[in-house]
């Protein structure tokens, strides 16, 4: 019994994977900074500056965007493997 052949990984798949990883890491770091800032003694008034609002938005939207990119990558891989498998027959 042989293992099913997999389709080669394309540049688009690599780009999507690294984009998802990069966005997830940046969003996670932003989340840690936003959550950890009050624990480090940053006053609440300082949290209204544009820098903190940007960090909050990156933390809020970054992880869902990374999740959607990873889901897209999984769907692309499934379609690619199915096409590769049917072409080999």
Protein backbone atom coordinates (compact mmCIF):
# COMPACT_ATOMS: atom_id res chain seq x y z
CA UNK A 1 0.00 0.00 0.00
CA UNK A 2 1.53 3.30 -1.04
CA UNK A 3 0.98 6.66 0.56
CA UNK A 4 -1.04 9.16 -1.47
CA UNK A 5 1.01 11.66 -3.42
CA UNK A 6 0.86 15.25 -2.28
CA UNK A 7 0.86 18.26 -4.52
CA UNK A 8 3.96 20.44 -4.40
CA UNK A 9 3.72 23.54 -2.22
CA UNK A 10 3.30 26.69 -4.28
CA UNK A 11 4.66 30.17 -3.61
CA UNK A 12 1.16 31.46 -2.88
CA UNK A 13 0.73 28.85 -0.14
CA UNK A 14 4.05 29.79 1.40
CA UNK A 15 3.19 33.48 1.31
CA UNK A 16 -0.21 32.87 2.94
CA UNK A 17 1.39 30.67 5.61
CA UNK A 18 4.06 33.23 6.50
CA UNK A 19 1.50 36.07 6.45
CA UNK A 20 -0.72 34.15 8.86
CA UNK A 21 2.22 33.35 11.12
CA UNK A 22 3.49 36.92 11.11
CA UNK A 23 0.09 38.43 11.78
CA UNK A 24 -0.59 35.93 14.57
CA UNK A 25 2.74 36.63 16.28
CA UNK A 26 2.32 40.40 16.03
CA UNK A 27 -1.27 40.21 17.30
CA UNK A 28 -0.27 37.95 20.19
CA UNK A 29 2.56 40.29 21.22
CA UNK A 30 0.16 43.26 21.00
CA UNK A 31 -2.34 41.36 23.15
CA UNK A 32 0.31 40.63 25.78
CA UNK A 33 1.37 44.30 25.80
CA UNK A 34 -2.22 45.57 26.11
CA UNK A 35 -3.07 43.14 28.88
CA UNK A 36 0.26 43.54 30.66
CA UNK A 37 0.42 47.34 30.56
CA UNK A 38 -1.96 47.93 33.49
CA UNK A 39 -0.11 45.30 35.48
CA UNK A 40 3.13 47.16 34.81
CA UNK A 41 1.66 50.39 36.17
CA UNK A 42 0.65 52.25 33.01
CA UNK A 43 -2.08 54.70 34.01
CA UNK A 44 -5.50 54.42 32.40
CA UNK A 45 -5.23 57.92 30.91
CA UNK A 46 -2.23 56.85 28.84
CA UNK A 47 -4.28 54.08 27.26
CA UNK A 48 -6.28 56.63 25.23
CA UNK A 49 -3.33 57.70 23.07
CA UNK A 50 -3.24 56.58 19.42
CA UNK A 51 -0.38 54.13 20.10
CA UNK A 52 -2.41 52.16 22.62
CA UNK A 53 -5.53 52.27 20.47
CA UNK A 54 -3.53 50.90 17.55
CA UNK A 55 -2.12 48.11 19.72
CA UNK A 56 -5.63 47.27 20.90
CA UNK A 57 -6.95 47.12 17.33
CA UNK A 58 -4.04 44.94 16.20
CA UNK A 59 -4.67 42.58 19.11
CA UNK A 60 -8.43 42.60 18.46
CA UNK A 61 -8.40 41.99 14.70
CA UNK A 62 -5.03 40.27 14.14
CA UNK A 63 -5.81 36.83 15.49
CA UNK A 64 -9.11 36.44 13.57
CA UNK A 65 -7.38 37.57 10.38
CA UNK A 66 -4.61 35.02 10.96
CA UNK A 67 -7.25 32.34 11.58
CA UNK A 68 -9.02 33.17 8.31
CA UNK A 69 -5.69 33.03 6.45
CA UNK A 70 -4.91 29.63 7.95
CA UNK A 71 -8.39 28.37 7.05
CA UNK A 72 -7.83 29.64 3.50
CA UNK A 73 -4.51 27.81 3.40
CA UNK A 74 -6.14 24.56 4.52
CA UNK A 75 -8.83 24.86 1.85
CA UNK A 76 -6.23 25.63 -0.85
CA UNK A 77 -4.19 22.58 0.24
CA UNK A 78 -7.21 20.28 0.17
CA UNK A 79 -8.19 21.42 -3.31
CA UNK A 80 -4.60 21.20 -4.53
CA UNK A 81 -4.12 17.67 -3.18
CA UNK A 82 -7.40 16.49 -4.68
CA UNK A 83 -6.48 17.92 -8.09
CA UNK A 84 -3.04 16.35 -7.88
CA UNK A 85 -4.53 12.99 -6.92
CA UNK A 86 -7.06 13.02 -9.76
CA UNK A 87 -4.40 14.05 -12.29
CA UNK A 88 -2.28 11.04 -11.32
CA UNK A 89 -5.06 8.57 -12.10
